[in-house]
N, C-alpha and C. Protein backbone atom coordinates (compact mmCIF):
# COMPACT_ATOMS: atom_id res chain seq x y z
N UNK A 1 125.66 46.76 69.45
CA UNK A 1 126.26 46.60 70.76
C UNK A 1 126.74 45.16 70.92
N UNK A 2 127.98 45.01 71.35
CA UNK A 2 128.54 43.68 71.58
C UNK A 2 128.32 43.29 73.03
N UNK A 3 127.78 42.09 73.26
CA UNK A 3 127.56 41.57 74.60
C UNK A 3 128.19 40.18 74.67
N UNK A 4 128.94 39.95 75.75
CA UNK A 4 129.55 38.64 75.99
C UNK A 4 128.93 38.08 77.27
N UNK A 5 128.45 36.84 77.18
CA UNK A 5 127.81 36.21 78.34
C UNK A 5 128.43 34.84 78.58
N UNK A 6 128.49 34.48 79.84
CA UNK A 6 128.94 33.15 80.21
C UNK A 6 128.07 32.67 81.37
N UNK A 7 127.72 31.41 81.34
CA UNK A 7 126.88 30.86 82.40
C UNK A 7 127.27 29.43 82.69
N UNK A 8 126.93 28.99 83.87
CA UNK A 8 127.24 27.63 84.28
C UNK A 8 126.05 27.09 85.08
N UNK A 9 125.68 25.85 84.79
CA UNK A 9 124.58 25.20 85.50
C UNK A 9 125.03 23.80 85.92
N UNK A 10 124.73 23.43 87.14
CA UNK A 10 125.06 22.09 87.59
C UNK A 10 123.99 21.56 88.55
N UNK A 11 123.89 20.25 88.59
CA UNK A 11 122.96 19.56 89.49
C UNK A 11 123.79 18.71 90.44
N UNK A 12 123.62 18.90 91.74
CA UNK A 12 124.33 18.06 92.69
C UNK A 12 123.53 16.84 93.09
N UNK A 13 122.23 16.83 92.78
CA UNK A 13 121.38 15.65 92.95
C UNK A 13 120.11 15.88 92.15
N UNK A 14 119.12 15.02 92.29
CA UNK A 14 117.89 15.13 91.49
C UNK A 14 116.98 16.27 91.95
N UNK A 15 117.27 16.87 93.09
CA UNK A 15 116.40 17.93 93.63
C UNK A 15 116.92 19.34 93.39
N UNK A 16 118.23 19.52 93.32
CA UNK A 16 118.82 20.86 93.27
C UNK A 16 119.55 21.11 91.96
N UNK A 17 119.24 22.25 91.31
CA UNK A 17 119.97 22.74 90.14
C UNK A 17 120.44 24.15 90.47
N UNK A 18 121.72 24.41 90.27
CA UNK A 18 122.34 25.70 90.59
C UNK A 18 122.80 26.39 89.32
N UNK A 19 122.77 27.74 89.31
CA UNK A 19 123.17 28.50 88.13
C UNK A 19 123.98 29.73 88.54
N UNK A 20 125.00 30.03 87.74
CA UNK A 20 125.81 31.25 87.87
C UNK A 20 125.94 31.87 86.50
N UNK A 21 126.03 33.20 86.44
CA UNK A 21 126.20 33.85 85.15
C UNK A 21 126.90 35.19 85.27
N UNK A 22 127.50 35.59 84.15
CA UNK A 22 128.14 36.90 84.05
C UNK A 22 127.92 37.41 82.64
N UNK A 23 127.65 38.69 82.53
CA UNK A 23 127.44 39.31 81.23
C UNK A 23 128.17 40.64 81.20
N UNK A 24 128.86 40.91 80.08
CA UNK A 24 129.53 42.19 79.88
C UNK A 24 129.12 42.75 78.54
N UNK A 25 128.77 44.01 78.52
CA UNK A 25 128.41 44.68 77.27
C UNK A 25 129.09 46.04 77.19
N UNK A 26 129.38 46.46 75.97
CA UNK A 26 129.93 47.80 75.76
C UNK A 26 128.90 48.84 76.18
N UNK A 27 129.36 50.02 76.51
CA UNK A 27 128.46 51.10 76.92
C UNK A 27 127.44 51.35 75.81
N UNK A 28 126.12 51.18 76.10
CA UNK A 28 125.10 51.30 75.06
C UNK A 28 124.71 52.74 74.71
N UNK A 29 125.07 53.71 75.55
CA UNK A 29 124.63 55.08 75.31
C UNK A 29 125.83 55.96 74.97
N UNK A 30 125.89 56.47 73.74
CA UNK A 30 126.99 57.36 73.37
C UNK A 30 126.86 58.72 74.07
N UNK A 31 127.99 59.37 74.30
CA UNK A 31 127.99 60.67 74.98
C UNK A 31 127.13 61.69 74.26
N UNK A 32 127.01 61.58 72.95
CA UNK A 32 126.23 62.55 72.18
C UNK A 32 124.72 62.39 72.37
N UNK A 33 124.26 61.34 73.01
CA UNK A 33 122.82 61.08 73.15
C UNK A 33 122.36 61.06 74.60
N UNK A 34 123.00 61.83 75.46
CA UNK A 34 122.63 61.87 76.88
C UNK A 34 121.19 62.34 77.09
N UNK A 35 120.79 63.38 76.42
CA UNK A 35 119.46 63.98 76.62
C UNK A 35 118.35 62.97 76.34
N UNK A 36 118.49 62.19 75.30
CA UNK A 36 117.43 61.28 74.88
C UNK A 36 117.36 60.01 75.74
N UNK A 37 118.32 59.81 76.62
CA UNK A 37 118.34 58.62 77.45
C UNK A 37 118.09 58.90 78.93
N UNK A 38 117.64 60.10 79.27
CA UNK A 38 117.35 60.44 80.66
C UNK A 38 116.23 59.56 81.22
N UNK A 39 115.21 59.28 80.41
CA UNK A 39 114.07 58.50 80.89
C UNK A 39 114.45 57.04 81.14
N UNK A 40 115.32 56.48 80.33
CA UNK A 40 115.72 55.07 80.47
C UNK A 40 117.25 54.97 80.42
N UNK A 41 117.90 55.31 81.53
CA UNK A 41 119.37 55.36 81.53
C UNK A 41 120.02 53.99 81.75
N UNK A 42 119.82 53.06 80.82
CA UNK A 42 120.39 51.72 80.96
C UNK A 42 121.87 51.72 80.62
N UNK A 43 122.70 52.21 81.53
CA UNK A 43 124.13 52.37 81.27
C UNK A 43 125.00 51.27 81.86
N UNK A 44 124.40 50.26 82.47
CA UNK A 44 125.19 49.20 83.11
C UNK A 44 125.95 48.40 82.05
N UNK A 45 127.12 47.92 82.45
CA UNK A 45 127.95 47.13 81.55
C UNK A 45 128.15 45.70 82.06
N UNK A 46 128.21 45.52 83.38
CA UNK A 46 128.42 44.21 83.98
C UNK A 46 127.15 43.74 84.69
N UNK A 47 126.84 42.46 84.53
CA UNK A 47 125.70 41.84 85.23
C UNK A 47 126.17 40.52 85.84
N UNK A 48 125.90 40.34 87.12
CA UNK A 48 126.24 39.10 87.82
C UNK A 48 124.94 38.43 88.25
N UNK A 49 124.82 37.13 88.00
CA UNK A 49 123.58 36.43 88.33
C UNK A 49 123.87 35.13 89.08
N UNK A 50 122.90 34.75 89.91
CA UNK A 50 122.94 33.50 90.65
C UNK A 50 121.51 33.01 90.80
N UNK A 51 121.33 31.70 90.75
CA UNK A 51 119.99 31.18 90.95
C UNK A 51 119.99 29.69 91.20
N UNK A 52 118.82 29.19 91.56
CA UNK A 52 118.68 27.75 91.76
C UNK A 52 117.24 27.33 91.51
N UNK A 53 117.07 26.04 91.27
CA UNK A 53 115.76 25.41 91.20
C UNK A 53 115.76 24.26 92.19
N UNK A 54 114.72 24.16 92.99
CA UNK A 54 114.55 23.07 93.95
C UNK A 54 113.33 22.28 93.49
N UNK A 55 113.57 21.07 93.02
CA UNK A 55 112.49 20.20 92.58
C UNK A 55 111.75 19.71 93.82
N UNK A 56 110.47 20.04 93.95
CA UNK A 56 109.68 19.66 95.13
C UNK A 56 109.09 18.26 95.00
N UNK A 57 108.62 17.95 93.80
CA UNK A 57 108.14 16.60 93.48
C UNK A 57 108.23 16.47 91.96
N UNK A 58 107.68 15.42 91.39
CA UNK A 58 107.84 15.19 89.95
C UNK A 58 107.14 16.24 89.09
N UNK A 59 106.21 17.02 89.67
CA UNK A 59 105.45 18.01 88.90
C UNK A 59 105.61 19.46 89.35
N UNK A 60 106.40 19.72 90.38
CA UNK A 60 106.49 21.10 90.86
C UNK A 60 107.91 21.43 91.32
N UNK A 61 108.22 22.71 91.20
CA UNK A 61 109.55 23.18 91.60
C UNK A 61 109.48 24.62 92.09
N UNK A 62 110.47 25.00 92.86
CA UNK A 62 110.63 26.36 93.37
C UNK A 62 111.88 26.93 92.72
N UNK A 63 111.78 28.14 92.18
CA UNK A 63 112.89 28.79 91.47
C UNK A 63 113.24 30.11 92.15
N UNK A 64 114.53 30.39 92.22
CA UNK A 64 115.03 31.64 92.80
C UNK A 64 116.15 32.17 91.93
N UNK A 65 116.21 33.49 91.75
CA UNK A 65 117.30 34.12 90.99
C UNK A 65 117.57 35.50 91.56
N UNK A 66 118.83 35.91 91.48
CA UNK A 66 119.24 37.25 91.88
C UNK A 66 120.18 37.80 90.81
N UNK A 67 120.02 39.08 90.51
CA UNK A 67 120.87 39.77 89.54
C UNK A 67 121.41 41.02 90.21
N UNK A 68 122.69 41.31 89.96
CA UNK A 68 123.29 42.55 90.45
C UNK A 68 124.07 43.17 89.30
N UNK A 69 123.82 44.44 89.04
CA UNK A 69 124.56 45.22 88.05
C UNK A 69 125.12 46.44 88.76
N UNK A 70 126.45 46.50 88.94
CA UNK A 70 127.06 47.61 89.68
C UNK A 70 126.83 48.96 88.99
N UNK A 71 126.93 50.00 89.77
CA UNK A 71 126.70 51.37 89.31
C UNK A 71 127.73 51.78 88.25
N UNK A 72 127.20 52.41 87.21
CA UNK A 72 128.03 52.97 86.14
C UNK A 72 127.46 54.35 85.82
N UNK A 73 128.33 55.30 85.50
CA UNK A 73 127.83 56.60 85.07
C UNK A 73 128.48 57.01 83.75
N UNK A 74 127.73 57.80 83.00
CA UNK A 74 128.17 58.31 81.70
C UNK A 74 127.81 59.79 81.66
N UNK A 75 128.72 60.60 81.16
CA UNK A 75 128.46 62.04 81.04
C UNK A 75 128.65 62.49 79.61
N UNK A 76 127.90 63.52 79.25
CA UNK A 76 128.03 64.09 77.91
C UNK A 76 127.28 65.40 77.82
N UNK A 77 127.45 66.10 76.72
CA UNK A 77 126.81 67.41 76.57
C UNK A 77 125.31 67.30 76.33
N UNK A 78 124.59 68.32 76.79
CA UNK A 78 123.16 68.45 76.52
C UNK A 78 123.02 68.86 75.05
N UNK A 79 122.20 68.13 74.29
CA UNK A 79 122.03 68.42 72.85
C UNK A 79 121.45 69.81 72.60
N UNK A 80 120.65 70.35 73.56
CA UNK A 80 120.06 71.67 73.39
C UNK A 80 120.93 72.79 73.95
N UNK A 81 121.85 72.46 74.83
CA UNK A 81 122.76 73.44 75.42
C UNK A 81 124.11 72.76 75.66
N UNK A 82 125.00 72.78 74.66
CA UNK A 82 126.28 72.08 74.75
C UNK A 82 127.16 72.54 75.92
N UNK A 83 126.86 73.69 76.51
CA UNK A 83 127.63 74.15 77.67
C UNK A 83 127.23 73.39 78.94
N UNK A 84 126.10 72.71 78.88
CA UNK A 84 125.60 71.95 80.03
C UNK A 84 125.96 70.48 79.86
N UNK A 85 126.39 69.85 80.95
CA UNK A 85 126.73 68.43 80.93
C UNK A 85 125.64 67.63 81.64
N UNK A 86 125.26 66.52 81.02
CA UNK A 86 124.27 65.61 81.61
C UNK A 86 125.02 64.37 82.07
N UNK A 87 124.71 63.92 83.28
CA UNK A 87 125.32 62.70 83.82
C UNK A 87 124.21 61.69 84.10
N UNK A 88 124.34 60.50 83.51
CA UNK A 88 123.41 59.41 83.74
C UNK A 88 124.10 58.36 84.59
N UNK A 89 123.41 57.88 85.62
CA UNK A 89 123.97 56.86 86.49
C UNK A 89 122.88 55.87 86.86
N UNK A 90 123.25 54.58 86.90
CA UNK A 90 122.26 53.58 87.25
C UNK A 90 122.96 52.32 87.76
N UNK A 91 122.29 51.63 88.67
CA UNK A 91 122.67 50.29 89.08
C UNK A 91 121.38 49.49 89.19
N UNK A 92 121.51 48.17 89.28
CA UNK A 92 120.30 47.34 89.39
C UNK A 92 120.53 46.21 90.37
N UNK A 93 119.46 45.85 91.04
CA UNK A 93 119.42 44.69 91.92
C UNK A 93 118.04 44.07 91.72
N UNK A 94 118.02 42.79 91.42
CA UNK A 94 116.74 42.14 91.14
C UNK A 94 116.68 40.79 91.85
N UNK A 95 115.53 40.50 92.42
CA UNK A 95 115.25 39.20 93.03
C UNK A 95 114.03 38.61 92.34
N UNK A 96 114.07 37.31 92.07
CA UNK A 96 112.93 36.64 91.47
C UNK A 96 112.68 35.33 92.20
N UNK A 97 111.43 35.08 92.50
CA UNK A 97 111.03 33.84 93.16
C UNK A 97 109.77 33.35 92.45
N UNK A 98 109.77 32.08 92.07
CA UNK A 98 108.59 31.55 91.37
C UNK A 98 108.36 30.09 91.75
N UNK A 99 107.14 29.67 91.51
CA UNK A 99 106.73 28.30 91.73
C UNK A 99 106.23 27.77 90.39
N UNK A 100 106.67 26.59 90.00
CA UNK A 100 106.26 25.99 88.73
C UNK A 100 105.50 24.70 88.98
N UNK A 101 104.43 24.51 88.23
CA UNK A 101 103.62 23.29 88.33
C UNK A 101 103.34 22.81 86.91
N UNK A 102 103.68 21.57 86.61
CA UNK A 102 103.37 21.02 85.29
C UNK A 102 102.17 20.09 85.41
N UNK A 103 101.36 20.06 84.36
CA UNK A 103 100.15 19.26 84.35
C UNK A 103 100.22 18.20 83.28
């Protein structure tokens, strides 16, 4: 599977670091394998990300990130009954918040 990613990070001062990202990948699930991917239908192709780090002091920081992968669907025949079509669809939204402390 080919995946292309691009990201950008910048600091506007000593306290704030900002991040943006984009990822594109070819469809990972072939139409012939619909049945075997029902449990884990990871069919997304585009991922958009944003995040930041806020330095609280010299030893601690607060981190935030968000990811969005728009809905994609893939259809193909059922391996056990080719007359039946299986459609897999998925989207993702993720939020992450963390606190870091160095010793």
